[in-house]
C-alpha atoms as a PDB file:
ATOM      1  CA  UNK A   1    -123.775  53.919 107.124  1.00  0.00           C
ATOM      2  CA  UNK A   2    -126.117  50.974 106.702  1.00  0.00           C
ATOM      3  CA  UNK A   3    -127.785  51.812 110.055  1.00  0.00           C
ATOM      4  CA  UNK A   4    -128.432  55.455 108.835  1.00  0.00           C
ATOM      5  CA  UNK A   5    -129.689  54.056 105.577  1.00  0.00           C
ATOM      6  CA  UNK A   6    -132.039  51.499 107.333  1.00  0.00           C
ATOM      7  CA  UNK A   7    -133.242  54.456 109.668  1.00  0.00           C
ATOM      8  CA  UNK A   8    -133.902  56.742 106.528  1.00  0.00           C
ATOM      9  CA  UNK A   9    -135.987  53.877 104.960  1.00  0.00           C
ATOM     10  CA  UNK A  10    -137.943  53.381 108.324  1.00  0.00           C
ATOM     11  CA  UNK A  11    -138.698  57.155 108.393  1.00  0.00           C
ATOM     12  CA  UNK A  12    -139.707  57.246 104.659  1.00  0.00           C
ATOM     13  CA  UNK A  13    -141.858  54.371 104.845  1.00  0.00           C
ATOM     14  CA  UNK A  14    -143.526  55.282 108.072  1.00  0.00           C
ATOM     15  CA  UNK A  15    -144.260  58.490 106.613  1.00  0.00           C
ATOM     16  CA  UNK A  16    -145.779  56.779 103.432  1.00  0.00           C
ATOM     17  CA  UNK A  17    -147.877  54.702 105.797  1.00  0.00           C
ATOM     18  CA  UNK A  18    -149.292  57.657 107.662  1.00  0.00           C
ATOM     19  CA  UNK A  19    -149.965  59.649 104.421  1.00  0.00           C
ATOM     20  CA  UNK A  20    -151.845  56.671 102.949  1.00  0.00           C
ATOM     21  CA  UNK A  21    -153.803  56.272 106.188  1.00  0.00           C
ATOM     22  CA  UNK A  22    -154.904  59.850 105.978  1.00  0.00           C
ATOM     23  CA  UNK A  23    -155.807  59.645 102.245  1.00  0.00           C
ATOM     24  CA  UNK A  24    -157.755  56.460 102.853  1.00  0.00           C
ATOM     25  CA  UNK A  25    -160.076  58.336 105.244  1.00  0.00           C
ATOM     26  CA  UNK A  26    -160.942  60.823 102.602  1.00  0.00           C
ATOM     27  CA  UNK A  27    -161.201  58.127  99.732  1.00  0.00           C
ATOM     28  CA  UNK A  28    -161.297  54.428 100.737  1.00  0.00           C
ATOM     29  CA  UNK A  29    -161.778  53.392  97.122  1.00  0.00           C
ATOM     30  CA  UNK A  30    -158.520  54.724  95.933  1.00  0.00           C
ATOM     31  CA  UNK A  31    -156.618  51.580  94.555  1.00  0.00           C
ATOM     32  CA  UNK A  32    -153.362  53.376  94.050  1.00  0.00           C
ATOM     33  CA  UNK A  33    -153.371  54.693  97.705  1.00  0.00           C
ATOM     34  CA  UNK A  34    -154.135  51.302  99.023  1.00  0.00           C
ATOM     35  CA  UNK A  35    -151.344  49.758  97.088  1.00  0.00           C
ATOM     36  CA  UNK A  36    -148.934  52.305  98.540  1.00  0.00           C
ATOM     37  CA  UNK A  37    -150.343  51.587 102.015  1.00  0.00           C
ATOM     38  CA  UNK A  38    -149.863  47.907 101.513  1.00  0.00           C
ATOM     39  CA  UNK A  39    -146.338  48.442 100.224  1.00  0.00           C
ATOM     40  CA  UNK A  40    -145.336  50.722 103.116  1.00  0.00           C
ATOM     41  CA  UNK A  41    -146.543  48.107 105.612  1.00  0.00           C
ATOM     42  CA  UNK A  42    -144.635  45.433 103.725  1.00  0.00           C
ATOM     43  CA  UNK A  43    -141.447  47.452 103.956  1.00  0.00           C
ATOM     44  CA  UNK A  44    -141.856  48.402 107.693  1.00  0.00           C
ATOM     45  CA  UNK A  45    -142.423  44.758 108.572  1.00  0.00           C
ATOM     46  CA  UNK A  46    -138.783  44.094 107.796  1.00  0.00           C
ATOM     47  CA  UNK A  47    -137.805  46.275 110.880  1.00  0.00           C
ATOM     48  CA  UNK A  48    -140.124  44.334 113.360  1.00  0.00           C
ATOM     49  CA  UNK A  49    -139.715  41.290 115.486  1.00  0.00           C
ATOM     50  CA  UNK A  50    -141.008  37.982 113.757  1.00  0.00           C
ATOM     51  CA  UNK A  51    -144.503  38.174 115.494  1.00  0.00           C
ATOM     52  CA  UNK A  52    -145.040  41.853 114.880  1.00  0.00           C
ATOM     53  CA  UNK A  53    -143.722  41.490 111.318  1.00  0.00           C
ATOM     54  CA  UNK A  54    -146.341  38.653 110.603  1.00  0.00           C
ATOM     55  CA  UNK A  55    -149.163  40.990 111.849  1.00  0.00           C
ATOM     56  CA  UNK A  56    -147.928  43.772 109.769  1.00  0.00           C
ATOM     57  CA  UNK A  57    -147.599  41.591 106.595  1.00  0.00           C
ATOM     58  CA  UNK A  58    -151.147  40.302 107.138  1.00  0.00           C
ATOM     59  CA  UNK A  59    -152.240  43.876 107.477  1.00  0.00           C
ATOM     60  CA  UNK A  60    -150.471  44.759 104.198  1.00  0.00           C
ATOM     61  CA  UNK A  61    -152.201  41.761 102.471  1.00  0.00           C
ATOM     62  CA  UNK A  62    -155.494  42.988 103.570  1.00  0.00           C
ATOM     63  CA  UNK A  63    -154.792  46.471 102.025  1.00  0.00           C
ATOM     64  CA  UNK A  64    -153.644  44.979  98.898  1.00  0.00           C
ATOM     65  CA  UNK A  65    -156.507  42.714  98.539  1.00  0.00           C
ATOM     66  CA  UNK A  66    -158.858  45.601  99.219  1.00  0.00           C
ATOM     67  CA  UNK A  67    -156.954  47.579  96.316  1.00  0.00           C
ATOM     68  CA  UNK A  68    -157.638  44.562  93.880  1.00  0.00           C
ATOM     69  CA  UNK A  69    -161.330  44.567  94.710  1.00  0.00           C
ATOM     70  CA  UNK A  70    -161.255  48.138  93.309  1.00  0.00           C
ATOM     71  CA  UNK A  71    -158.966  47.468  90.390  1.00  0.00           C
ATOM     72  CA  UNK A  72    -158.594  43.711  89.843  1.00  0.00           C
ATOM     73  CA  UNK A  73    -155.679  43.914  87.209  1.00  0.00           C
ATOM     74  CA  UNK A  74    -153.418  46.363  88.800  1.00  0.00           C
ATOM     75  CA  UNK A  75    -149.875  44.705  88.060  1.00  0.00           C
ATOM     76  CA  UNK A  76    -148.046  46.667  90.838  1.00  0.00           C
ATOM     77  CA  UNK A  77    -150.733  45.528  93.328  1.00  0.00           C
ATOM     78  CA  UNK A  78    -150.412  41.941  92.298  1.00  0.00           C
ATOM     79  CA  UNK A  79    -146.634  42.112  92.523  1.00  0.00           C
ATOM     80  CA  UNK A  80    -146.840  43.529  96.114  1.00  0.00           C
ATOM     81  CA  UNK A  81    -148.970  40.737  97.003  1.00  0.00           C
ATOM     82  CA  UNK A  82    -146.672  38.109  95.680  1.00  0.00           C
ATOM     83  CA  UNK A  83    -143.969  39.823  97.924  1.00  0.00           C
ATOM     84  CA  UNK A  84    -146.279  39.852 100.934  1.00  0.00           C
ATOM     85  CA  UNK A  85    -147.099  36.098 100.739  1.00  0.00           C
ATOM     86  CA  UNK A  86    -143.557  35.261 100.130  1.00  0.00           C
ATOM     87  CA  UNK A  87    -142.420  37.268 103.345  1.00  0.00           C
ATOM     88  CA  UNK A  88    -145.106  35.645 105.381  1.00  0.00           C
ATOM     89  CA  UNK A  89    -144.114  32.111 104.098  1.00  0.00           C
ATOM     90  CA  UNK A  90    -140.469  32.723 105.256  1.00  0.00           C
ATOM     91  CA  UNK A  91    -141.735  33.649 108.690  1.00  0.00           C
ATOM     92  CA  UNK A  92    -143.766  30.398 108.921  1.00  0.00           C
ATOM     93  CA  UNK A  93    -141.761  27.480 110.303  1.00  0.00           C
ATOM     94  CA  UNK A  94    -144.243  24.741 109.117  1.00  0.00           C
ATOM     95  CA  UNK A  95    -143.345  23.688 105.661  1.00  0.00           C
ATOM     96  CA  UNK A  96    -146.729  22.728 104.459  1.00  0.00           C
ATOM     97  CA  UNK A  97    -148.256  25.853 105.597  1.00  0.00           C
ATOM     98  CA  UNK A  98    -145.301  27.881 104.055  1.00  0.00           C
ATOM     99  CA  UNK A  99    -145.860  26.153 100.763  1.00  0.00           C
ATOM    100  CA  UNK A 100    -149.495  27.423 100.571  1.00  0.00           C
ATOM    101  CA  UNK A 101    -148.116  31.005 100.944  1.00  0.00           C
ATOM    102  CA  UNK A 102    -145.339  30.384  98.301  1.00  0.00           C
ATOM    103  CA  UNK A 103    -147.990  28.989  95.990  1.00  0.00           C
ATOM    104  CA  UNK A 104    -150.183  32.184  96.343  1.00  0.00           C
ATOM    105  CA  UNK A 105    -147.105  34.209  95.850  1.00  0.00           C
ATOM    106  CA  UNK A 106    -146.276  32.619  92.659  1.00  0.00           C
ATOM    107  CA  UNK A 107    -149.841  32.811  91.431  1.00  0.00           C
ATOM    108  CA  UNK A 108    -149.596  36.655  92.149  1.00  0.00           C
ATOM    109  CA  UNK A 109    -146.290  37.149  90.416  1.00  0.00           C
ATOM    110  CA  UNK A 110    -147.444  35.239  87.376  1.00  0.00           C
ATOM    111  CA  UNK A 111    -150.607  37.477  87.273  1.00  0.00           C
ATOM    112  CA  UNK A 112    -148.317  40.552  87.344  1.00  0.00           C
ATOM    113  CA  UNK A 113    -146.147  39.212  84.697  1.00  0.00           C
ATOM    114  CA  UNK A 114    -149.155  38.475  82.579  1.00  0.00           C
ATOM    115  CA  UNK A 115    -150.507  42.071  83.008  1.00  0.00           C
ATOM    116  CA  UNK A 116    -146.954  43.506  82.149  1.00  0.00           C
ATOM    117  CA  UNK A 117    -144.945  40.859  80.470  1.00  0.00           C
ATOM    118  CA  UNK A 118    -141.984  43.296  79.686  1.00  0.00           C
ATOM    119  CA  UNK A 119    -141.408  44.135  83.203  1.00  0.00           C
ATOM    120  CA  UNK A 120    -138.097  42.574  84.138  1.00  0.00           C
ATOM    121  CA  UNK A 121    -138.654  42.971  87.880  1.00  0.00           C
ATOM    122  CA  UNK A 122    -141.775  40.868  87.788  1.00  0.00           C
ATOM    123  CA  UNK A 123    -140.049  38.260  85.709  1.00  0.00           C
ATOM    124  CA  UNK A 124    -137.290  38.137  88.226  1.00  0.00           C
ATOM    125  CA  UNK A 125    -139.740  37.929  91.285  1.00  0.00           C
ATOM    126  CA  UNK A 126    -141.211  34.845  89.453  1.00  0.00           C
ATOM    127  CA  UNK A 127    -137.961  33.171  88.987  1.00  0.00           C
ATOM    128  CA  UNK A 128    -136.876  33.638  92.379  1.00  0.00           C
ATOM    129  CA  UNK A 129    -140.317  32.270  93.774  1.00  0.00           C
ATOM    130  CA  UNK A 130    -139.620  28.948  92.286  1.00  0.00           C
ATOM    131  CA  UNK A 131    -136.404  28.684  94.508  1.00  0.00           C
ATOM    132  CA  UNK A 132    -138.266  30.040  97.438  1.00  0.00           C
ATOM    133  CA  UNK A 133    -139.423  26.791  99.185  1.00  0.00           C
ATOM    134  CA  UNK A 134    -135.726  25.342  99.032  1.00  0.00           C
ATOM    135  CA  UNK A 135    -134.514  28.616 100.736  1.00  0.00           C
ATOM    136  CA  UNK A 136    -137.135  28.290 103.297  1.00  0.00           C
ATOM    137  CA  UNK A 137    -136.018  24.745 104.175  1.00  0.00           C
ATOM    138  CA  UNK A 138    -132.511  26.000 104.602  1.00  0.00           C
ATOM    139  CA  UNK A 139    -133.349  28.993 106.861  1.00  0.00           C
ATOM    140  CA  UNK A 140    -135.514  26.977 109.153  1.00  0.00           C
ATOM    141  CA  UNK A 141    -133.001  24.174 109.211  1.00  0.00           C
ATOM    142  CA  UNK A 142    -130.439  26.427 110.637  1.00  0.00           C
ATOM    143  CA  UNK A 143    -132.923  28.021 113.112  1.00  0.00           C
ATOM    144  CA  UNK A 144    -132.679  31.491 111.550  1.00  0.00           C
ATOM    145  CA  UNK A 145    -136.443  31.940 111.232  1.00  0.00           C
ATOM    146  CA  UNK A 146    -136.569  32.958 114.994  1.00  0.00           C
ATOM    147  CA  UNK A 147    -134.234  36.024 114.337  1.00  0.00           C
ATOM    148  CA  UNK A 148    -135.775  39.340 113.699  1.00  0.00           C
ATOM    149  CA  UNK A 149    -135.985  40.385 110.049  1.00  0.00           C
ATOM    150  CA  UNK A 150    -133.354  42.757 108.532  1.00  0.00           C
ATOM    151  CA  UNK A 151    -130.207  42.171 106.601  1.00  0.00           C
ATOM    152  CA  UNK A 152    -127.962  42.447 109.579  1.00  0.00           C
ATOM    153  CA  UNK A 153    -129.440  39.685 111.575  1.00  0.00           C
ATOM    154  CA  UNK A 154    -129.042  35.910 111.520  1.00  0.00           C
ATOM    155  CA  UNK A 155    -126.163  33.835 112.224  1.00  0.00           C
ATOM    156  CA  UNK A 156    -125.810  32.155 108.906  1.00  0.00           C
ATOM    157  CA  UNK A 157    -122.641  33.484 107.852  1.00  0.00           C
ATOM    158  CA  UNK A 158    -120.848  32.322 111.095  1.00  0.00           C
ATOM    159  CA  UNK A 159    -122.607  29.010 111.722  1.00  0.00           C
ATOM    160  CA  UNK A 160    -121.369  27.269 108.561  1.00  0.00           C
ATOM    161  CA  UNK A 161    -118.521  24.782 108.505  1.00  0.00           C
ATOM    162  CA  UNK A 162    -114.814  25.355 107.843  1.00  0.00           C
ATOM    163  CA  UNK A 163    -115.184  24.961 104.134  1.00  0.00           C
ATOM    164  CA  UNK A 164    -115.083  28.127 102.346  1.00  0.00           C
ATOM    165  CA  UNK A 165    -117.758  27.040  99.698  1.00  0.00           C
ATOM    166  CA  UNK A 166    -120.103  26.058 102.615  1.00  0.00           C
ATOM    167  CA  UNK A 167    -119.377  29.257 104.191  1.00  0.00           C
ATOM    168  CA  UNK A 168    -120.019  31.081 100.989  1.00  0.00           C
ATOM    169  CA  UNK A 169    -123.247  29.284 100.268  1.00  0.00           C
ATOM    170  CA  UNK A 170    -124.338  30.212 103.929  1.00  0.00           C
ATOM    171  CA  UNK A 171    -123.485  33.710 103.440  1.00  0.00           C
ATOM    172  CA  UNK A 172    -125.330  33.896 100.088  1.00  0.00           C
ATOM    173  CA  UNK A 173    -128.393  32.241 101.819  1.00  0.00           C
ATOM    174  CA  UNK A 174    -128.324  34.966 104.529  1.00  0.00           C
ATOM    175  CA  UNK A 175    -128.279  37.707 101.806  1.00  0.00           C
ATOM    176  CA  UNK A 176    -131.221  35.774  99.924  1.00  0.00           C
ATOM    177  CA  UNK A 177    -133.287  35.586 102.924  1.00  0.00           C
ATOM    178  CA  UNK A 178    -132.537  38.520 105.168  1.00  0.00           C
ATOM    179  CA  UNK A 179    -131.661  40.636 102.494  1.00  0.00           C
ATOM    180  CA  UNK A 180    -134.943  39.451 100.857  1.00  0.00           C
ATOM    181  CA  UNK A 181    -133.863  38.670  97.254  1.00  0.00           C
ATOM    182  CA  UNK A 182    -137.375  39.210  96.109  1.00  0.00           C
ATOM    183  CA  UNK A 183    -138.058  42.443  98.313  1.00  0.00           C
ATOM    184  CA  UNK A 184    -134.488  43.686  97.809  1.00  0.00           C
ATOM    185  CA  UNK A 185    -134.701  43.398  94.205  1.00  0.00           C
ATOM    186  CA  UNK A 186    -137.836  45.525  94.380  1.00  0.00           C
ATOM    187  CA  UNK A 187    -136.865  48.087  96.751  1.00  0.00           C
ATOM    188  CA  UNK A 188    -135.592  50.277  94.167  1.00  0.00           C
ATOM    189  CA  UNK A 189    -138.538  50.149  92.043  1.00  0.00           C
ATOM    190  CA  UNK A 190    -140.783  50.455  94.983  1.00  0.00           C
ATOM    191  CA  UNK A 191    -139.025  53.533  96.358  1.00  0.00           C
ATOM    192  CA  UNK A 192    -139.178  55.139  93.062  1.00  0.00           C
ATOM    193  CA  UNK A 193    -142.948  54.124  92.725  1.00  0.00           C
ATOM    194  CA  UNK A 194    -143.537  55.699  96.113  1.00  0.00           C
ATOM    195  CA  UNK A 195    -141.627  58.889  95.498  1.00  0.00           C
ATOM    196  CA  UNK A 196    -143.483  59.358  92.376  1.00  0.00           C
ATOM    197  CA  UNK A 197    -146.645  59.761  94.573  1.00  0.00           C
ATOM    198  CA  UNK A 198    -145.374  61.821  97.436  1.00  0.00           C
ATOM    199  CA  UNK A 199    -142.838  64.436  98.512  1.00  0.00           C
ATOM    200  CA  UNK A 200    -139.166  63.254  98.644  1.00  0.00           C
ATOM    201  CA  UNK A 201    -137.999  63.439 102.280  1.00  0.00           C
ATOM    202  CA  UNK A 202    -135.227  65.941 102.973  1.00  0.00           C
ATOM    203  CA  UNK A 203    -131.754  64.478 102.234  1.00  0.00           C
ATOM    204  CA  UNK A 204    -129.780  63.462 105.129  1.00  0.00           C
ATOM    205  CA  UNK A 205    -127.065  66.124 105.993  1.00  0.00           C
ATOM    206  CA  UNK A 206    -123.486  65.046 105.332  1.00  0.00           C
ATOM    207  CA  UNK A 207    -121.637  63.742 108.399  1.00  0.00           C
END
């Protein structure tokens, strides 16, 4: 069931990426479209190997920064940029380098909150961003950073010790990182945001 859901998401965001790319050719100054494009790349990056994922995230950052040049105070673009820098940080083993990305992410999340203070999603992202460096240390200490991204990968839930609490903590960590607390919290909002701008893909037939 989860694999079917992941596959549907992959198809959905690949369609979103292609649609945005086509729209960009007609109007390169459409900040709304650039934000959708960056967001789609960010989602698609979760299905890639680590090196390919990094490239896709950097491409997403480029599109989102382009959107901000057109419309500097777009809260959804700022929020997506925060997600992009957080994702890139988690894939960067070096702590000092990762910290720079986390700092940028926090800055963008804060700006998104400033632009739309009542948005609970932005507030949650900002809160989680404060815990991100600690989670980064954990994930790379356990060597999980070399795994491909995606909620079903990573040995964290099985590599913990015998203690139940330790195992639970490790399992929670796996969810936090590979389920991407920051991205996962936003997936529902992003899907809704994307669907409001493009046709909904046909439903999967019952199996």
